[in-house]
């Protein structure tokens, strides 16, 4: 295998120096790789993108859950006052929040 890599390096050096054209290089490299059984040519290595830093100002997962529960409670109380029935208001608010959670999960998937 090392001999094949050396030959590919020689071909690439000849192409860079202008001794052979790019098409001649491709043909010679293709013929060389055909002689090897199950040769795999990997794409060039690319570094993984850097991860974004998380702002410490944003609430954590427990904070977001608490904000959501308080919001649901307030909306249930307001809807209960408007509709006149707290159980119907709770059902309505729970359905809306379930739809929001499902939409968020679908957005995460795709």
N, C-alpha and C. Protein backbone atom coordinates (compact mmCIF):
# COMPACT_ATOMS: atom_id res chain seq x y z
N UNK A 1 0.82 -1.18 0.00
CA UNK A 1 0.00 0.00 0.00
C UNK A 1 0.87 1.25 0.00
N UNK A 2 2.00 1.19 0.68
CA UNK A 2 2.88 2.35 0.73
C UNK A 2 3.43 2.69 -0.65
N UNK A 3 3.68 1.67 -1.46
CA UNK A 3 4.19 1.92 -2.81
C UNK A 3 3.15 2.68 -3.65
N UNK A 4 1.90 2.35 -3.46
CA UNK A 4 0.84 3.03 -4.21
C UNK A 4 0.75 4.48 -3.76
N UNK A 5 0.84 4.74 -2.43
CA UNK A 5 0.80 6.11 -1.95
C UNK A 5 1.98 6.91 -2.49
N UNK A 6 3.14 6.28 -2.53
CA UNK A 6 4.33 6.96 -3.06
C UNK A 6 4.14 7.31 -4.54
N UNK A 7 3.57 6.37 -5.29
CA UNK A 7 3.33 6.63 -6.72
C UNK A 7 2.31 7.76 -6.91
N UNK A 8 1.28 7.79 -6.06
CA UNK A 8 0.29 8.89 -6.14
C UNK A 8 0.96 10.21 -5.80
N UNK A 9 1.84 10.21 -4.82
CA UNK A 9 2.58 11.44 -4.47
C UNK A 9 3.46 11.89 -5.62
N UNK A 10 4.11 10.95 -6.29
CA UNK A 10 4.94 11.31 -7.46
C UNK A 10 4.09 11.90 -8.57
N UNK A 11 2.91 11.28 -8.81
CA UNK A 11 2.02 11.80 -9.84
C UNK A 11 1.54 13.21 -9.48
N UNK A 12 1.21 13.42 -8.21
CA UNK A 12 0.75 14.74 -7.79
C UNK A 12 1.85 15.79 -7.91
N UNK A 13 3.07 15.40 -7.56
CA UNK A 13 4.19 16.32 -7.70
C UNK A 13 4.43 16.66 -9.17
N UNK A 14 4.31 15.67 -10.04
CA UNK A 14 4.48 15.93 -11.47
C UNK A 14 3.38 16.84 -12.00
N UNK A 15 2.17 16.68 -11.50
CA UNK A 15 1.08 17.56 -11.93
C UNK A 15 1.31 18.98 -11.45
N UNK A 16 1.78 19.13 -10.20
CA UNK A 16 2.03 20.47 -9.67
C UNK A 16 3.17 21.17 -10.40
N UNK A 17 4.17 20.40 -10.85
CA UNK A 17 5.29 20.99 -11.59
C UNK A 17 4.95 21.25 -13.05
N UNK A 18 3.83 20.71 -13.49
CA UNK A 18 3.42 20.95 -14.86
C UNK A 18 3.92 19.92 -15.85
N UNK A 19 4.49 18.83 -15.38
CA UNK A 19 5.00 17.80 -16.27
C UNK A 19 3.87 17.00 -16.89
N UNK A 20 2.74 16.87 -16.15
CA UNK A 20 1.57 16.19 -16.71
C UNK A 20 0.34 17.07 -16.45
N UNK A 21 -0.66 16.89 -17.29
CA UNK A 21 -1.87 17.70 -17.14
C UNK A 21 -2.78 17.08 -16.07
N UNK A 22 -3.82 17.83 -15.70
CA UNK A 22 -4.75 17.34 -14.69
C UNK A 22 -5.50 16.10 -15.18
N UNK A 23 -5.83 16.06 -16.47
CA UNK A 23 -6.55 14.90 -16.99
C UNK A 23 -5.63 13.67 -17.02
N UNK A 24 -4.36 13.86 -17.39
CA UNK A 24 -3.41 12.74 -17.37
C UNK A 24 -3.22 12.23 -15.94
N UNK A 25 -3.18 13.17 -15.00
CA UNK A 25 -3.05 12.79 -13.59
C UNK A 25 -4.24 11.95 -13.14
N UNK A 26 -5.44 12.39 -13.52
CA UNK A 26 -6.66 11.67 -13.12
C UNK A 26 -6.69 10.27 -13.72
N UNK A 27 -6.29 10.15 -14.98
CA UNK A 27 -6.29 8.84 -15.63
C UNK A 27 -5.25 7.92 -14.97
N UNK A 28 -4.05 8.45 -14.73
CA UNK A 28 -2.99 7.63 -14.13
C UNK A 28 -3.37 7.21 -12.71
N UNK A 29 -3.94 8.12 -11.95
CA UNK A 29 -4.35 7.80 -10.59
C UNK A 29 -5.48 6.77 -10.60
N UNK A 30 -6.43 6.92 -11.53
CA UNK A 30 -7.52 5.96 -11.64
C UNK A 30 -7.01 4.57 -11.96
N UNK A 31 -6.06 4.48 -12.93
CA UNK A 31 -5.48 3.17 -13.27
C UNK A 31 -4.76 2.56 -12.07
N UNK A 32 -4.06 3.41 -11.33
CA UNK A 32 -3.31 2.94 -10.18
C UNK A 32 -4.26 2.42 -9.09
N UNK A 33 -5.34 3.14 -8.86
CA UNK A 33 -6.29 2.71 -7.83
C UNK A 33 -7.09 1.49 -8.25
N UNK A 34 -7.24 1.27 -9.54
CA UNK A 34 -7.96 0.09 -10.02
C UNK A 34 -7.18 -1.18 -9.75
N UNK A 35 -5.86 -1.07 -9.62
CA UNK A 35 -5.05 -2.26 -9.35
C UNK A 35 -5.20 -2.75 -7.92
N UNK A 36 -5.72 -1.89 -7.05
CA UNK A 36 -5.88 -2.26 -5.64
C UNK A 36 -7.31 -2.75 -5.43
N UNK A 37 -7.45 -3.85 -4.70
CA UNK A 37 -8.79 -4.36 -4.40
C UNK A 37 -9.42 -3.52 -3.30
N UNK A 38 -10.68 -3.16 -3.48
CA UNK A 38 -11.47 -2.41 -2.50
C UNK A 38 -10.76 -1.14 -2.03
N UNK A 39 -10.21 -0.40 -2.96
CA UNK A 39 -9.57 0.86 -2.59
C UNK A 39 -10.63 1.88 -2.22
N UNK A 40 -10.41 2.57 -1.14
CA UNK A 40 -11.34 3.59 -0.68
C UNK A 40 -10.61 4.92 -0.63
N UNK A 41 -11.16 5.90 -1.33
CA UNK A 41 -10.58 7.23 -1.32
C UNK A 41 -11.45 8.09 -0.42
N UNK A 42 -10.87 8.57 0.67
CA UNK A 42 -11.63 9.36 1.63
C UNK A 42 -11.57 10.83 1.25
N UNK A 43 -12.62 11.59 1.56
CA UNK A 43 -12.58 13.03 1.30
C UNK A 43 -11.57 13.69 2.23
N UNK A 44 -11.10 14.86 1.88
CA UNK A 44 -10.14 15.52 2.75
C UNK A 44 -10.75 15.82 4.12
N UNK A 45 -9.90 15.78 5.13
CA UNK A 45 -10.37 16.00 6.50
C UNK A 45 -10.79 17.44 6.68
N UNK A 46 -11.95 17.63 7.30
CA UNK A 46 -12.43 18.96 7.64
C UNK A 46 -12.68 19.01 9.14
N UNK A 47 -12.18 20.04 9.75
CA UNK A 47 -12.36 20.17 11.20
C UNK A 47 -13.82 20.45 11.51
N UNK A 48 -14.26 19.94 12.62
CA UNK A 48 -15.65 20.15 13.05
C UNK A 48 -15.83 21.62 13.42
N UNK A 49 -16.98 22.19 13.11
CA UNK A 49 -17.20 23.59 13.46
C UNK A 49 -17.19 23.77 14.98
N UNK A 50 -16.74 24.93 15.41
CA UNK A 50 -16.67 25.20 16.83
C UNK A 50 -18.07 25.34 17.40
N UNK A 51 -18.24 24.85 18.61
CA UNK A 51 -19.53 24.93 19.28
C UNK A 51 -19.72 26.34 19.82
N UNK A 52 -20.96 26.80 19.76
CA UNK A 52 -21.26 28.13 20.28
C UNK A 52 -21.30 28.08 21.80
N UNK A 53 -20.81 29.15 22.41
CA UNK A 53 -20.85 29.23 23.86
C UNK A 53 -22.27 29.57 24.30
N UNK A 54 -22.69 28.93 25.36
CA UNK A 54 -24.03 29.17 25.90
C UNK A 54 -23.97 30.38 26.81
N UNK A 55 -24.88 31.29 26.62
CA UNK A 55 -24.93 32.48 27.45
C UNK A 55 -25.41 32.11 28.84
N UNK A 56 -24.74 32.63 29.84
CA UNK A 56 -25.15 32.34 31.21
C UNK A 56 -26.35 33.18 31.62
N UNK A 57 -26.75 34.14 30.77
CA UNK A 57 -27.92 34.97 31.07
C UNK A 57 -29.23 34.23 30.84
N UNK A 58 -29.21 33.24 29.96
CA UNK A 58 -30.43 32.52 29.63
C UNK A 58 -30.80 31.57 30.77
N UNK A 59 -32.10 31.38 31.02
CA UNK A 59 -32.49 30.44 32.07
C UNK A 59 -32.15 29.01 31.67
N UNK A 60 -31.83 28.19 32.65
CA UNK A 60 -31.51 26.79 32.40
C UNK A 60 -32.77 25.99 32.12
N UNK A 61 -32.64 24.67 31.96
CA UNK A 61 -33.82 23.86 31.65
C UNK A 61 -34.88 23.90 32.75
N UNK A 62 -34.46 23.97 34.01
CA UNK A 62 -35.44 24.03 35.10
C UNK A 62 -36.13 25.39 35.12
N UNK A 63 -35.38 26.44 34.78
CA UNK A 63 -35.98 27.76 34.71
C UNK A 63 -37.02 27.86 33.61
N UNK A 64 -36.71 27.26 32.47
CA UNK A 64 -37.67 27.27 31.38
C UNK A 64 -38.92 26.47 31.73
N UNK A 65 -38.74 25.36 32.43
CA UNK A 65 -39.89 24.56 32.82
C UNK A 65 -40.76 25.34 33.80
N UNK A 66 -40.14 26.04 34.74
CA UNK A 66 -40.88 26.83 35.71
C UNK A 66 -41.64 27.96 35.02
N UNK A 67 -40.99 28.63 34.08
CA UNK A 67 -41.65 29.70 33.32
C UNK A 67 -42.84 29.15 32.55
N UNK A 68 -42.70 27.99 31.93
CA UNK A 68 -43.79 27.37 31.19
C UNK A 68 -44.97 27.00 32.07
N UNK A 69 -44.66 26.43 33.25
CA UNK A 69 -45.73 26.05 34.17
C UNK A 69 -46.46 27.28 34.72
N UNK A 70 -45.70 28.32 35.05
CA UNK A 70 -46.34 29.54 35.54
C UNK A 70 -47.21 30.17 34.44
N UNK A 71 -46.68 30.15 33.22
CA UNK A 71 -47.46 30.69 32.10
C UNK A 71 -48.74 29.90 31.88
N UNK A 72 -48.63 28.57 31.97
CA UNK A 72 -49.83 27.73 31.80
C UNK A 72 -50.83 28.00 32.92
N UNK A 73 -50.35 28.18 34.13
CA UNK A 73 -51.25 28.47 35.24
C UNK A 73 -51.97 29.80 35.07
N UNK A 74 -51.22 30.81 34.68
CA UNK A 74 -51.82 32.14 34.47
C UNK A 74 -52.82 32.08 33.33
N UNK A 75 -52.45 31.42 32.23
CA UNK A 75 -53.39 31.33 31.11
C UNK A 75 -54.64 30.53 31.48
N UNK A 76 -54.47 29.50 32.28
CA UNK A 76 -55.63 28.73 32.72
C UNK A 76 -56.56 29.60 33.57
N UNK A 77 -55.99 30.37 34.48
CA UNK A 77 -56.80 31.24 35.32
C UNK A 77 -57.54 32.30 34.49
N UNK A 78 -56.83 32.94 33.56
CA UNK A 78 -57.45 33.97 32.72
C UNK A 78 -58.54 33.35 31.84
N UNK A 79 -58.23 32.21 31.20
CA UNK A 79 -59.23 31.56 30.34
C UNK A 79 -60.42 31.10 31.18
N UNK A 80 -60.20 30.66 32.42
CA UNK A 80 -61.30 30.26 33.30
C UNK A 80 -62.20 31.43 33.63
N UNK A 81 -61.60 32.59 33.82
CA UNK A 81 -62.40 33.79 34.10
C UNK A 81 -63.22 34.20 32.89
N UNK A 82 -62.61 34.08 31.68
CA UNK A 82 -63.30 34.49 30.46
C UNK A 82 -64.40 33.49 30.10
N UNK A 83 -64.07 32.20 30.14
CA UNK A 83 -65.03 31.16 29.75
C UNK A 83 -66.06 30.92 30.85
N UNK A 84 -65.62 30.97 32.10
CA UNK A 84 -66.54 30.73 33.20
C UNK A 84 -66.44 29.33 33.77
N UNK A 85 -65.61 28.47 33.19
CA UNK A 85 -65.45 27.10 33.68
C UNK A 85 -63.96 26.77 33.70
N UNK A 86 -63.43 26.48 34.88
CA UNK A 86 -61.99 26.25 35.04
C UNK A 86 -61.55 24.94 34.39
N UNK A 87 -62.36 23.90 34.40
CA UNK A 87 -61.96 22.62 33.81
C UNK A 87 -61.86 22.72 32.29
N UNK A 88 -62.76 23.45 31.66
CA UNK A 88 -62.67 23.65 30.20
C UNK A 88 -61.45 24.50 29.87
N UNK A 89 -61.19 25.51 30.69
CA UNK A 89 -60.02 26.36 30.47
C UNK A 89 -58.74 25.55 30.61
N UNK A 90 -58.68 24.66 31.61
CA UNK A 90 -57.49 23.82 31.79
C UNK A 90 -57.28 22.91 30.57
N UNK A 91 -58.36 22.31 30.09
CA UNK A 91 -58.27 21.44 28.91
C UNK A 91 -57.79 22.21 27.69
N UNK A 92 -58.29 23.40 27.50
CA UNK A 92 -57.88 24.24 26.37
C UNK A 92 -56.41 24.60 26.46
N UNK A 93 -55.96 25.06 27.61
CA UNK A 93 -54.56 25.47 27.79
C UNK A 93 -53.64 24.26 27.66
N UNK A 94 -54.01 23.12 28.23
CA UNK A 94 -53.18 21.91 28.12
C UNK A 94 -53.04 21.48 26.66
N UNK A 95 -54.11 21.60 25.89
CA UNK A 95 -54.05 21.24 24.46
C UNK A 95 -53.14 22.17 23.69
N UNK A 96 -53.22 23.46 23.99
CA UNK A 96 -52.36 24.44 23.30
C UNK A 96 -50.89 24.19 23.63
N UNK A 97 -50.60 23.96 24.91
CA UNK A 97 -49.21 23.71 25.29
C UNK A 97 -48.70 22.38 24.70
N UNK A 98 -49.55 21.38 24.61
CA UNK A 98 -49.14 20.11 23.98
C UNK A 98 -48.82 20.33 22.51
N UNK A 99 -49.61 21.14 21.83
CA UNK A 99 -49.34 21.44 20.43
C UNK A 99 -48.02 22.18 20.28
N UNK A 100 -47.72 23.08 21.18
CA UNK A 100 -46.45 23.82 21.13
C UNK A 100 -45.27 22.88 21.34
N UNK A 101 -45.39 21.96 22.30
CA UNK A 101 -44.31 21.00 22.56
C UNK A 101 -44.09 20.09 21.36
N UNK A 102 -45.17 19.61 20.76
CA UNK A 102 -45.05 18.74 19.58
C UNK A 102 -44.39 19.50 18.42
N UNK A 103 -44.77 20.75 18.22
CA UNK A 103 -44.15 21.55 17.15
C UNK A 103 -42.67 21.77 17.42
N UNK A 104 -42.31 21.96 18.69
CA UNK A 104 -40.89 22.15 19.03
C UNK A 104 -40.08 20.89 18.76
N UNK A 105 -40.65 19.72 19.11
CA UNK A 105 -39.94 18.47 18.85
C UNK A 105 -39.80 18.19 17.35
N UNK A 106 -40.83 18.50 16.60
CA UNK A 106 -40.73 18.31 15.13
C UNK A 106 -39.67 19.22 14.54
N UNK A 107 -39.56 20.41 15.06
CA UNK A 107 -38.55 21.35 14.55
C UNK A 107 -37.15 20.85 14.89
N UNK A 108 -36.99 20.23 16.06
CA UNK A 108 -35.70 19.67 16.43
C UNK A 108 -35.30 18.51 15.54
N UNK A 109 -36.28 17.70 15.11
CA UNK A 109 -36.00 16.54 14.26
C UNK A 109 -35.53 16.96 12.88
N UNK A 110 -36.13 17.94 12.31
CA UNK A 110 -35.86 18.28 10.91
C UNK A 110 -35.11 19.49 10.79
